[in-house]
Amino acid sequence: MVVNSTVLYNNVTQIPVLSARMIEILRTIFFLVAIFSFCIFLYFMTVLLIVYFTTPHVRDNPRYILFTHMLINDSLYLILTLFLSFAYQFNVSCQVPICYFILTLASITFKITPYNLMAMAFERYIAICFPLRHTILCTAQRTHFAIMIMWLVGLLPGVADVVVLNTSVEKGFFSRGIICRQDGLVVQPVQKALRSSTYIGSLILVALGILFTYIKVMLVAQRSGSSKSSASKTGRTLILHTIQLLLCMMSLTATVTETYGGDYFQIVIMGNFLLFMCIPRLLSPLIYGIRDEVFSKCIKKMYAISL
């Protein structure tokens, strides 16, 4: 489901309304926009990573550890999905084990983004609602452990999927060369059911977690009676997390929109990829790089020194 949205189908007969040349122009524009957006993301990410690794008190802060992890995870996801799009576009085949590894890693990184958002929301919830216990509950060591749990939870459905695949295909299947796409590795209906339930269940759980933290934080903000309080600022940050999560959840509708895309099938796929795969991840460096006081001060100081 996730990677299907990154695949560009080149069967132009599915869009009889548009000419083949128009389709090629739209496809070229899509790739240029995607690459340009990714380059901007990499630039902001590089600047933020420099700040993170050169500022000791930032490296030990759980909030920034989680943010940096999300940046790296989203970068990996975008690299994988862009690679899959280009590979499918130009009919580049690879061995089944390599394809399966890339698809599984793309699926894991897709799921880790909402997990990371929920972890960041709970860190802010503890900082606002339990400030005296924040330094005890939210340590760098516990944050690294939470990141490890995220990857473990994201990996488990992939392990179950590979077990089903191993027991359902003939021996020569893994030595084949195929065009890398998720549908090519689905041999049992249970695989689709497992993936769909994992995505939907994860996003719903994260949505409930962020909603819970937002309500609790805003109650503290109301009691403080100041619109400029840290609780109010955290509430606005949680709203931005919610927008990111909603965009991630919208990606689950990609299959439906692509199925009923009709004459504009390819355009729908391109739009789904840009709107629901790229934008939620491009928002991350903007949210923290511009809004966060620590990062903004360090960035201004770094540019002042370079000038």
C-alpha atoms as a PDB file:
ATOM      1  CA  MET A   1       0.000   0.000   0.000  1.00  0.00           C
ATOM      2  CA  VAL A   2       2.715   2.434   0.989  1.00  0.00           C
ATOM      3  CA  VAL A   3       5.108   1.678  -1.813  1.00  0.00           C
ATOM      4  CA  ASN A   4       2.347   1.304  -4.401  1.00  0.00           C
ATOM      5  CA  SER A   5       1.816   5.040  -3.995  1.00  0.00           C
ATOM      6  CA  THR A   6       5.448   5.629  -4.930  1.00  0.00           C
ATOM      7  CA  VAL A   7       5.229   3.574  -8.129  1.00  0.00           C
ATOM      8  CA  LEU A   8       4.585   5.321 -11.396  1.00  0.00           C
ATOM      9  CA  TYR A   9       2.744   3.195 -13.890  1.00  0.00           C
ATOM     10  CA  ASN A  10       3.681   3.819 -17.499  1.00  0.00           C
ATOM     11  CA  ASN A  11       0.754   2.151 -19.215  1.00  0.00           C
ATOM     12  CA  VAL A  12      -0.457   5.200 -21.125  1.00  0.00           C
ATOM     13  CA  THR A  13      -3.505   3.413 -22.444  1.00  0.00           C
ATOM     14  CA  GLN A  14      -5.064   3.899 -19.022  1.00  0.00           C
ATOM     15  CA  ILE A  15      -5.379   7.638 -19.708  1.00  0.00           C
ATOM     16  CA  PRO A  16      -7.048   7.946 -23.116  1.00  0.00           C
ATOM     17  CA  VAL A  17      -8.063  11.561 -22.488  1.00  0.00           C
ATOM     18  CA  LEU A  18      -4.457  12.781 -22.334  1.00  0.00           C
ATOM     19  CA  SER A  19      -1.923  12.396 -25.131  1.00  0.00           C
ATOM     20  CA  ALA A  20       1.220  10.347 -24.614  1.00  0.00           C
ATOM     21  CA  ARG A  21       3.327  13.512 -24.890  1.00  0.00           C
ATOM     22  CA  MET A  22       1.271  15.260 -22.219  1.00  0.00           C
ATOM     23  CA  ILE A  23       1.744  12.278 -19.919  1.00  0.00           C
ATOM     24  CA  GLU A  24       5.503  12.403 -20.451  1.00  0.00           C
ATOM     25  CA  ILE A  25       5.529  16.144 -19.686  1.00  0.00           C
ATOM     26  CA  LEU A  26       3.526  15.613 -16.476  1.00  0.00           C
ATOM     27  CA  ARG A  27       5.773  12.742 -15.461  1.00  0.00           C
ATOM     28  CA  THR A  28       8.877  14.853 -16.036  1.00  0.00           C
ATOM     29  CA  ILE A  29       7.407  17.733 -14.018  1.00  0.00           C
ATOM     30  CA  PHE A  30       6.561  15.299 -11.237  1.00  0.00           C
ATOM     31  CA  PHE A  31      10.104  13.979 -11.013  1.00  0.00           C
ATOM     32  CA  LEU A  32      11.605  17.471 -11.149  1.00  0.00           C
ATOM     33  CA  VAL A  33       9.308  18.689  -8.353  1.00  0.00           C
ATOM     34  CA  ALA A  34      10.022  15.577  -6.276  1.00  0.00           C
ATOM     35  CA  ILE A  35      13.801  15.896  -6.703  1.00  0.00           C
ATOM     36  CA  PHE A  36      13.749  19.648  -6.058  1.00  0.00           C
ATOM     37  CA  SER A  37      11.670  19.171  -2.893  1.00  0.00           C
ATOM     38  CA  PHE A  38      13.983  16.400  -1.729  1.00  0.00           C
ATOM     39  CA  CYS A  39      17.057  18.600  -2.280  1.00  0.00           C
ATOM     40  CA  ILE A  40      15.480  21.373  -0.169  1.00  0.00           C
ATOM     41  CA  PHE A  41      14.685  18.808   2.519  1.00  0.00           C
ATOM     42  CA  LEU A  42      18.269  17.500   2.476  1.00  0.00           C
ATOM     43  CA  TYR A  43      19.634  21.033   2.776  1.00  0.00           C
ATOM     44  CA  PHE A  44      17.512  21.832   5.838  1.00  0.00           C
ATOM     45  CA  MET A  45      18.220  18.419   7.311  1.00  0.00           C
ATOM     46  CA  THR A  46      21.984  18.861   6.875  1.00  0.00           C
ATOM     47  CA  VAL A  47      21.895  22.248   8.612  1.00  0.00           C
ATOM     48  CA  LEU A  48      19.840  20.849  11.499  1.00  0.00           C
ATOM     49  CA  LEU A  49      22.088  17.808  11.860  1.00  0.00           C
ATOM     50  CA  ILE A  50      25.152  20.052  12.022  1.00  0.00           C
ATOM     51  CA  VAL A  51      23.484  21.983  14.833  1.00  0.00           C
ATOM     52  CA  TYR A  52      22.534  18.755  16.598  1.00  0.00           C
ATOM     53  CA  PHE A  53      25.962  17.117  16.480  1.00  0.00           C
ATOM     54  CA  THR A  54      27.898  20.295  17.333  1.00  0.00           C
ATOM     55  CA  THR A  55      25.762  21.419  20.283  1.00  0.00           C
ATOM     56  CA  PRO A  56      26.279  19.231  23.398  1.00  0.00           C
ATOM     57  CA  HIS A  57      23.131  20.247  25.308  1.00  0.00           C
ATOM     58  CA  VAL A  58      21.029  19.571  22.202  1.00  0.00           C
ATOM     59  CA  ARG A  59      22.484  16.061  21.768  1.00  0.00           C
ATOM     60  CA  ASP A  60      21.392  15.115  25.294  1.00  0.00           C
ATOM     61  CA  ASN A  61      17.858  16.480  25.000  1.00  0.00           C
ATOM     62  CA  PRO A  62      15.225  13.726  24.399  1.00  0.00           C
ATOM     63  CA  ARG A  63      13.105  16.077  22.321  1.00  0.00           C
ATOM     64  CA  TYR A  64      15.924  16.755  19.863  1.00  0.00           C
ATOM     65  CA  ILE A  65      17.062  13.133  19.849  1.00  0.00           C
ATOM     66  CA  LEU A  66      13.593  12.111  18.672  1.00  0.00           C
ATOM     67  CA  PHE A  67      13.487  14.934  16.142  1.00  0.00           C
ATOM     68  CA  THR A  68      16.874  14.000  14.689  1.00  0.00           C
ATOM     69  CA  HIS A  69      15.817  10.372  14.501  1.00  0.00           C
ATOM     70  CA  MET A  70      12.694  11.409  12.584  1.00  0.00           C
ATOM     71  CA  LEU A  71      14.780  13.479  10.164  1.00  0.00           C
ATOM     72  CA  ILE A  72      17.104  10.571   9.425  1.00  0.00           C
ATOM     73  CA  ASN A  73      14.200   8.129   9.151  1.00  0.00           C
ATOM     74  CA  ASP A  74      12.258  10.380   6.769  1.00  0.00           C
ATOM     75  CA  SER A  75      15.355  10.953   4.645  1.00  0.00           C
ATOM     76  CA  LEU A  76      15.817   7.204   4.312  1.00  0.00           C
ATOM     77  CA  TYR A  77      12.146   6.772   3.418  1.00  0.00           C
ATOM     78  CA  LEU A  78      12.255   9.455   0.720  1.00  0.00           C
ATOM     79  CA  ILE A  79      15.463   8.017  -0.769  1.00  0.00           C
ATOM     80  CA  LEU A  80      13.930   4.539  -0.960  1.00  0.00           C
ATOM     81  CA  THR A  81      10.624   5.688  -2.441  1.00  0.00           C
ATOM     82  CA  LEU A  82      12.287   7.926  -5.027  1.00  0.00           C
ATOM     83  CA  PHE A  83      14.554   5.030  -5.988  1.00  0.00           C
ATOM     84  CA  LEU A  84      11.561   2.707  -6.379  1.00  0.00           C
ATOM     85  CA  SER A  85       9.765   5.279  -8.513  1.00  0.00           C
ATOM     86  CA  PHE A  86      12.719   5.746 -10.828  1.00  0.00           C
ATOM     87  CA  ALA A  87      13.395   2.003 -11.002  1.00  0.00           C
ATOM     88  CA  TYR A  88       9.811   1.255 -12.006  1.00  0.00           C
ATOM     89  CA  GLN A  89       9.716   4.160 -14.448  1.00  0.00           C
ATOM     90  CA  PHE A  90      12.775   2.904 -16.323  1.00  0.00           C
ATOM     91  CA  ASN A  91      11.960  -0.821 -15.930  1.00  0.00           C
ATOM     92  CA  VAL A  92      15.020  -1.570 -13.807  1.00  0.00           C
ATOM     93  CA  SER A  93      14.806  -5.121 -12.470  1.00  0.00           C
ATOM     94  CA  CYS A  94      16.541  -6.583  -9.428  1.00  0.00           C
ATOM     95  CA  GLN A  95      16.673  -9.870  -7.569  1.00  0.00           C
ATOM     96  CA  VAL A  96      13.709 -10.728  -5.356  1.00  0.00           C
ATOM     97  CA  PRO A  97      15.701 -10.668  -2.055  1.00  0.00           C
ATOM     98  CA  ILE A  98      17.068  -7.171  -2.836  1.00  0.00           C
ATOM     99  CA  CYS A  99      13.622  -5.932  -3.855  1.00  0.00           C
ATOM    100  CA  TYR A 100      12.049  -7.425  -0.745  1.00  0.00           C
ATOM    101  CA  PHE A 101      14.652  -5.793   1.497  1.00  0.00           C
ATOM    102  CA  ILE A 102      14.075  -2.355  -0.072  1.00  0.00           C
ATOM    103  CA  LEU A 103      10.286  -2.660   0.124  1.00  0.00           C
ATOM    104  CA  THR A 104      10.389  -3.873   3.725  1.00  0.00           C
ATOM    105  CA  LEU A 105      12.712  -1.053   4.769  1.00  0.00           C
ATOM    106  CA  ALA A 106      10.453   1.485   3.026  1.00  0.00           C
ATOM    107  CA  SER A 107       7.442   0.036   4.851  1.00  0.00           C
ATOM    108  CA  ILE A 108       9.223   0.186   8.225  1.00  0.00           C
ATOM    109  CA  THR A 109      10.365   3.791   7.763  1.00  0.00           C
ATOM    110  CA  PHE A 110       6.826   4.758   6.719  1.00  0.00           C
ATOM    111  CA  LYS A 111       5.403   3.391   9.978  1.00  0.00           C
ATOM    112  CA  ILE A 112       8.145   4.834  12.177  1.00  0.00           C
ATOM    113  CA  THR A 113       7.209   8.430  11.300  1.00  0.00           C
ATOM    114  CA  PRO A 114       3.864   8.326  13.199  1.00  0.00           C
ATOM    115  CA  TYR A 115       5.479   6.317  16.009  1.00  0.00           C
ATOM    116  CA  ASN A 116       8.079   9.055  16.366  1.00  0.00           C
ATOM    117  CA  LEU A 117       5.394  11.757  16.329  1.00  0.00           C
ATOM    118  CA  MET A 118       3.602  10.010  19.188  1.00  0.00           C
ATOM    119  CA  ALA A 119       6.842   9.692  21.176  1.00  0.00           C
ATOM    120  CA  MET A 120       7.530  13.411  20.703  1.00  0.00           C
ATOM    121  CA  ALA A 121       3.967  14.236  21.758  1.00  0.00           C
ATOM    122  CA  PHE A 122       4.319  12.198  24.965  1.00  0.00           C
ATOM    123  CA  GLU A 123       7.678  13.823  25.724  1.00  0.00           C
ATOM    124  CA  ARG A 124       6.026  17.250  25.536  1.00  0.00           C
ATOM    125  CA  TYR A 125       3.088  15.965  27.591  1.00  0.00           C
ATOM    126  CA  ILE A 126       5.433  14.865  30.394  1.00  0.00           C
ATOM    127  CA  ALA A 127       7.402  18.140  30.197  1.00  0.00           C
ATOM    128  CA  ILE A 128       4.228  20.219  30.642  1.00  0.00           C
ATOM    129  CA  CYS A 129       2.063  18.054  32.893  1.00  0.00           C
ATOM    130  CA  PHE A 130       4.835  16.512  35.033  1.00  0.00           C
ATOM    131  CA  PRO A 131       7.707  19.019  34.880  1.00  0.00           C
ATOM    132  CA  LEU A 132       9.335  17.792  38.099  1.00  0.00           C
ATOM    133  CA  ARG A 133       9.536  14.235  36.785  1.00  0.00           C
ATOM    134  CA  HIS A 134      10.545  15.126  33.233  1.00  0.00           C
ATOM    135  CA  THR A 135      14.290  14.824  33.788  1.00  0.00           C
ATOM    136  CA  ILE A 136      13.750  11.424  35.444  1.00  0.00           C
ATOM    137  CA  LEU A 137      11.318   9.930  32.939  1.00  0.00           C
ATOM    138  CA  CYS A 138      12.765  11.450  29.762  1.00  0.00           C
ATOM    139  CA  THR A 139      16.469  10.684  29.605  1.00  0.00           C
ATOM    140  CA  ALA A 140      18.725  10.215  26.589  1.00  0.00           C
ATOM    141  CA  GLN A 141      19.132   6.510  27.407  1.00  0.00           C
ATOM    142  CA  ARG A 142      15.380   5.920  27.608  1.00  0.00           C
ATOM    143  CA  THR A 143      14.878   7.869  24.394  1.00  0.00           C
ATOM    144  CA  HIS A 144      17.346   5.640  22.539  1.00  0.00           C
ATOM    145  CA  PHE A 145      15.557   2.609  23.970  1.00  0.00           C
ATOM    146  CA  ALA A 146      12.221   3.990  22.716  1.00  0.00           C
ATOM    147  CA  ILE A 147      13.715   4.407  19.236  1.00  0.00           C
ATOM    148  CA  MET A 148      14.873   0.788  19.315  1.00  0.00           C
ATOM    149  CA  ILE A 149      11.330  -0.303  20.260  1.00  0.00           C
ATOM    150  CA  MET A 150       9.922   1.691  17.331  1.00  0.00           C
ATOM    151  CA  TRP A 151      12.145  -0.182  14.880  1.00  0.00           C
ATOM    152  CA  LEU A 152      11.346  -3.514  16.499  1.00  0.00           C
ATOM    153  CA  VAL A 153       7.575  -2.902  16.274  1.00  0.00           C
ATOM    154  CA  GLY A 154       7.961  -1.726  12.688  1.00  0.00           C
ATOM    155  CA  LEU A 155       9.977  -4.821  11.796  1.00  0.00           C
ATOM    156  CA  LEU A 156       7.618  -7.456  13.258  1.00  0.00           C
ATOM    157  CA  PRO A 157       4.997  -7.310  10.444  1.00  0.00           C
ATOM    158  CA  GLY A 158       7.826  -7.688   7.921  1.00  0.00           C
ATOM    159  CA  VAL A 159       9.050 -10.810   9.705  1.00  0.00           C
ATOM    160  CA  ALA A 160       5.536 -12.288   9.610  1.00  0.00           C
ATOM    161  CA  ASP A 161       5.260 -11.390   5.937  1.00  0.00           C
ATOM    162  CA  VAL A 162       8.518 -13.082   4.975  1.00  0.00           C
ATOM    163  CA  VAL A 163       7.427 -16.238   6.849  1.00  0.00           C
ATOM    164  CA  VAL A 164       4.212 -16.336   4.804  1.00  0.00           C
ATOM    165  CA  LEU A 165       6.155 -15.687   1.593  1.00  0.00           C
ATOM    166  CA  ASN A 166       8.699 -18.432   2.313  1.00  0.00           C
ATOM    167  CA  THR A 167       5.975 -21.017   2.912  1.00  0.00           C
ATOM    168  CA  SER A 168       3.954 -20.045  -0.177  1.00  0.00           C
ATOM    169  CA  VAL A 169       6.412 -19.857  -3.089  1.00  0.00           C
ATOM    170  CA  GLU A 170       8.489 -22.369  -4.976  1.00  0.00           C
ATOM    171  CA  LYS A 171      12.229 -22.692  -4.401  1.00  0.00           C
ATOM    172  CA  GLY A 172      13.307 -20.720  -7.474  1.00  0.00           C
ATOM    173  CA  PHE A 173      11.214 -17.669  -6.623  1.00  0.00           C
ATOM    174  CA  PHE A 174      13.975 -15.832  -4.739  1.00  0.00           C
ATOM    175  CA  SER A 175      16.444 -16.189  -7.619  1.00  0.00           C
ATOM    176  CA  ARG A 176      14.205 -14.323 -10.068  1.00  0.00           C
ATOM    177  CA  GLY A 177      14.703 -10.806 -11.348  1.00  0.00           C
ATOM    178  CA  ILE A 178      11.590  -8.625 -11.108  1.00  0.00           C
ATOM    179  CA  ILE A 179      10.486  -5.014 -11.443  1.00  0.00           C
ATOM    180  CA  CYS A 180      10.413  -3.963  -7.810  1.00  0.00           C
ATOM    181  CA  ARG A 181       6.880  -3.247  -6.624  1.00  0.00           C
ATOM    182  CA  GLN A 182       4.906  -4.441  -3.642  1.00  0.00           C
ATOM    183  CA  ASP A 183       2.203  -6.264  -5.595  1.00  0.00           C
ATOM    184  CA  GLY A 184       4.849  -8.484  -7.174  1.00  0.00           C
ATOM    185  CA  LEU A 185       5.665  -9.959  -3.756  1.00  0.00           C
ATOM    186  CA  VAL A 186       2.093 -10.583  -2.612  1.00  0.00           C
ATOM    187  CA  VAL A 187       1.247 -14.264  -3.080  1.00  0.00           C
ATOM    188  CA  GLN A 188      -1.333 -14.735  -0.313  1.00  0.00           C
ATOM    189  CA  PRO A 189      -4.355 -12.585   0.668  1.00  0.00           C
ATOM    190  CA  VAL A 190      -3.183 -12.718   4.284  1.00  0.00           C
ATOM    191  CA  GLN A 191      -0.186 -10.556   3.326  1.00  0.00           C
ATOM    192  CA  LYS A 192      -2.409  -7.673   2.220  1.00  0.00           C
ATOM    193  CA  ALA A 193      -4.620  -8.098   5.281  1.00  0.00           C
ATOM    194  CA  LEU A 194      -1.568  -8.039   7.569  1.00  0.00           C
ATOM    195  CA  ARG A 195      -0.149  -4.897   5.990  1.00  0.00           C
ATOM    196  CA  SER A 196      -3.457  -3.033   5.927  1.00  0.00           C
ATOM    197  CA  SER A 197      -4.306  -3.885   9.523  1.00  0.00           C
ATOM    198  CA  THR A 198      -0.801  -2.892  10.661  1.00  0.00           C
ATOM    199  CA  TYR A 199      -0.946   0.503   8.952  1.00  0.00           C
ATOM    200  CA  ILE A 200      -4.483   1.316  10.061  1.00  0.00           C
ATOM    201  CA  GLY A 201      -3.990   0.059  13.616  1.00  0.00           C
ATOM    202  CA  SER A 202      -0.723   1.966  14.031  1.00  0.00           C
ATOM    203  CA  LEU A 203      -2.122   5.256  12.746  1.00  0.00           C
ATOM    204  CA  ILE A 204      -5.275   5.013  14.845  1.00  0.00           C
ATOM    205  CA  LEU A 205      -3.234   4.269  17.968  1.00  0.00           C
ATOM    206  CA  VAL A 206      -0.946   7.221  17.263  1.00  0.00           C
ATOM    207  CA  ALA A 207      -3.930   9.506  16.603  1.00  0.00           C
ATOM    208  CA  LEU A 208      -5.477   8.589  19.955  1.00  0.00           C
ATOM    209  CA  GLY A 209      -2.143   9.152  21.710  1.00  0.00           C
ATOM    210  CA  ILE A 210      -1.659  12.614  20.199  1.00  0.00           C
ATOM    211  CA  LEU A 211      -5.290  13.543  20.936  1.00  0.00           C
ATOM    212  CA  PHE A 212      -4.854  12.491  24.565  1.00  0.00           C
ATOM    213  CA  THR A 213      -1.672  14.528  24.993  1.00  0.00           C
ATOM    214  CA  TYR A 214      -3.212  17.567  23.274  1.00  0.00           C
ATOM    215  CA  ILE A 215      -6.265  17.578  25.577  1.00  0.00           C
ATOM    216  CA  LYS A 216      -4.093  17.228  28.679  1.00  0.00           C
ATOM    217  CA  VAL A 217      -1.682  19.949  27.592  1.00  0.00           C
ATOM    218  CA  MET A 218      -4.466  22.392  26.704  1.00  0.00           C
ATOM    219  CA  LEU A 219      -6.084  21.842  30.112  1.00  0.00           C
ATOM    220  CA  VAL A 220      -2.793  22.895  31.680  1.00  0.00           C
ATOM    221  CA  ALA A 221      -2.672  25.909  29.352  1.00  0.00           C
ATOM    222  CA  GLN A 222      -6.153  26.988  30.442  1.00  0.00           C
ATOM    223  CA  ARG A 223      -5.201  26.728  34.104  1.00  0.00           C
ATOM    224  CA  SER A 224      -2.069  28.799  33.537  1.00  0.00           C
ATOM    225  CA  GLY A 225      -4.215  31.584  32.050  1.00  0.00           C
ATOM    226  CA  SER A 226      -1.501  32.772  29.657  1.00  0.00           C
ATOM    227  CA  SER A 227      -1.591  32.429  25.893  1.00  0.00           C
ATOM    228  CA  LYS A 228       2.208  32.725  25.862  1.00  0.00           C
ATOM    229  CA  SER A 229       2.803  29.862  28.267  1.00  0.00           C
ATOM    230  CA  SER A 230       4.943  26.884  27.302  1.00  0.00           C
ATOM    231  CA  ALA A 231       1.794  24.732  27.462  1.00  0.00           C
ATOM    232  CA  SER A 232       0.152  26.863  24.774  1.00  0.00           C
ATOM    233  CA  LYS A 233       3.256  26.632  22.590  1.00  0.00           C
ATOM    234  CA  THR A 234       3.320  22.880  23.067  1.00  0.00           C
ATOM    235  CA  GLY A 235      -0.368  22.732  22.136  1.00  0.00           C
ATOM    236  CA  ARG A 236       0.394  24.447  18.832  1.00  0.00           C
ATOM    237  CA  THR A 237       3.243  22.028  18.207  1.00  0.00           C
ATOM    238  CA  LEU A 238       0.896  19.096  18.849  1.00  0.00           C
ATOM    239  CA  ILE A 239      -1.539  20.543  16.319  1.00  0.00           C
ATOM    240  CA  LEU A 240       1.248  20.515  13.742  1.00  0.00           C
ATOM    241  CA  HIS A 241       2.009  16.899  14.706  1.00  0.00           C
ATOM    242  CA  THR A 242      -1.678  16.143  14.130  1.00  0.00           C
ATOM    243  CA  ILE A 243      -1.569  17.700  10.660  1.00  0.00           C
ATOM    244  CA  GLN A 244       1.466  15.582   9.819  1.00  0.00           C
ATOM    245  CA  LEU A 245      -0.314  12.485  11.089  1.00  0.00           C
ATOM    246  CA  LEU A 246      -3.484  13.278   9.130  1.00  0.00           C
ATOM    247  CA  LEU A 247      -1.448  13.566   5.957  1.00  0.00           C
ATOM    248  CA  CYS A 248       0.146  10.198   6.738  1.00  0.00           C
ATOM    249  CA  MET A 249      -3.313   8.701   7.337  1.00  0.00           C
ATOM    250  CA  MET A 250      -4.541  10.147   4.041  1.00  0.00           C
ATOM    251  CA  SER A 251      -1.950   7.998   2.297  1.00  0.00           C
ATOM    252  CA  LEU A 252      -4.099   4.990   3.237  1.00  0.00           C
ATOM    253  CA  THR A 253      -6.738   6.309   0.823  1.00  0.00           C
ATOM    254  CA  ALA A 254      -4.251   6.086  -2.037  1.00  0.00           C
ATOM    255  CA  THR A 255      -5.458   2.638  -3.094  1.00  0.00           C
ATOM    256  CA  VAL A 256      -9.049   3.856  -3.330  1.00  0.00           C
ATOM    257  CA  THR A 257      -8.218   7.044  -5.221  1.00  0.00           C
ATOM    258  CA  GLU A 258      -5.948   5.156  -7.603  1.00  0.00           C
ATOM    259  CA  THR A 259      -8.596   2.504  -8.217  1.00  0.00           C
ATOM    260  CA  TYR A 260     -11.203   5.106  -9.142  1.00  0.00           C
ATOM    261  CA  GLY A 261      -8.793   7.504 -10.805  1.00  0.00           C
ATOM    262  CA  GLY A 262     -10.186   6.536 -14.161  1.00  0.00           C
ATOM    263  CA  ASP A 263      -8.768   8.548 -17.038  1.00  0.00           C
ATOM    264  CA  TYR A 264      -6.392  10.408 -14.711  1.00  0.00           C
ATOM    265  CA  PHE A 265      -4.904   7.331 -13.087  1.00  0.00           C
ATOM    266  CA  GLN A 266      -1.254   8.354 -13.404  1.00  0.00           C
ATOM    267  CA  ILE A 267      -1.890  11.924 -12.283  1.00  0.00           C
ATOM    268  CA  VAL A 268      -3.643  10.621  -9.155  1.00  0.00           C
ATOM    269  CA  ILE A 269      -0.617   8.443  -8.324  1.00  0.00           C
ATOM    270  CA  MET A 270       1.755  11.375  -8.746  1.00  0.00           C
ATOM    271  CA  GLY A 271      -0.446  13.601  -6.593  1.00  0.00           C
ATOM    272  CA  ASN A 272      -0.762  10.960  -3.872  1.00  0.00           C
ATOM    273  CA  PHE A 273       3.006  10.577  -3.675  1.00  0.00           C
ATOM    274  CA  LEU A 274       3.716  14.316  -3.443  1.00  0.00           C
ATOM    275  CA  LEU A 275       0.837  15.212  -1.097  1.00  0.00           C
ATOM    276  CA  PHE A 276       0.782  12.256   1.286  1.00  0.00           C
ATOM    277  CA  MET A 277       4.295  10.797   1.135  1.00  0.00           C
ATOM    278  CA  CYS A 278       6.550  13.820   0.652  1.00  0.00           C
ATOM    279  CA  ILE A 279       4.803  16.796   2.282  1.00  0.00           C
ATOM    280  CA  PRO A 280       4.377  15.252   5.795  1.00  0.00           C
ATOM    281  CA  ARG A 281       8.111  14.592   5.855  1.00  0.00           C
ATOM    282  CA  LEU A 282       9.121  17.908   4.306  1.00  0.00           C
ATOM    283  CA  LEU A 283       7.225  19.675   7.101  1.00  0.00           C
ATOM    284  CA  SER A 284       9.491  18.270   9.820  1.00  0.00           C
ATOM    285  CA  PRO A 285      12.582  20.473   9.317  1.00  0.00           C
ATOM    286  CA  LEU A 286      10.381  23.537   8.795  1.00  0.00           C
ATOM    287  CA  ILE A 287       8.396  22.931  11.994  1.00  0.00           C
ATOM    288  CA  TYR A 288      11.456  22.589  14.215  1.00  0.00           C
ATOM    289  CA  GLY A 289      14.147  24.398  12.286  1.00  0.00           C
ATOM    290  CA  ILE A 290      12.165  27.635  12.074  1.00  0.00           C
ATOM    291  CA  ARG A 291       9.897  27.480  15.157  1.00  0.00           C
ATOM    292  CA  ASP A 292      12.327  26.030  17.685  1.00  0.00           C
ATOM    293  CA  GLU A 293      14.315  28.720  19.509  1.00  0.00           C
ATOM    294  CA  VAL A 294      17.374  26.541  20.124  1.00  0.00           C
ATOM    295  CA  PHE A 295      17.752  25.505  16.488  1.00  0.00           C
ATOM    296  CA  SER A 296      16.964  28.955  15.107  1.00  0.00           C
ATOM    297  CA  LYS A 297      19.556  30.626  17.362  1.00  0.00           C
ATOM    298  CA  CYS A 298      22.217  28.069  16.472  1.00  0.00           C
ATOM    299  CA  ILE A 299      21.459  28.393  12.758  1.00  0.00           C
ATOM    300  CA  LYS A 300      21.666  32.203  12.896  1.00  0.00           C
ATOM    301  CA  LYS A 301      24.941  31.990  14.832  1.00  0.00           C
ATOM    302  CA  MET A 302      26.351  29.446  12.371  1.00  0.00           C
ATOM    303  CA  TYR A 303      25.486  31.612   9.357  1.00  0.00           C
ATOM    304  CA  ALA A 304      26.844  34.720  11.112  1.00  0.00           C
ATOM    305  CA  ILE A 305      30.186  32.976  11.602  1.00  0.00           C
ATOM    306  CA  SER A 306      30.258  31.747   7.988  1.00  0.00           C
ATOM    307  CA  LEU A 307      29.559  35.271   6.711  1.00  0.00           C
END
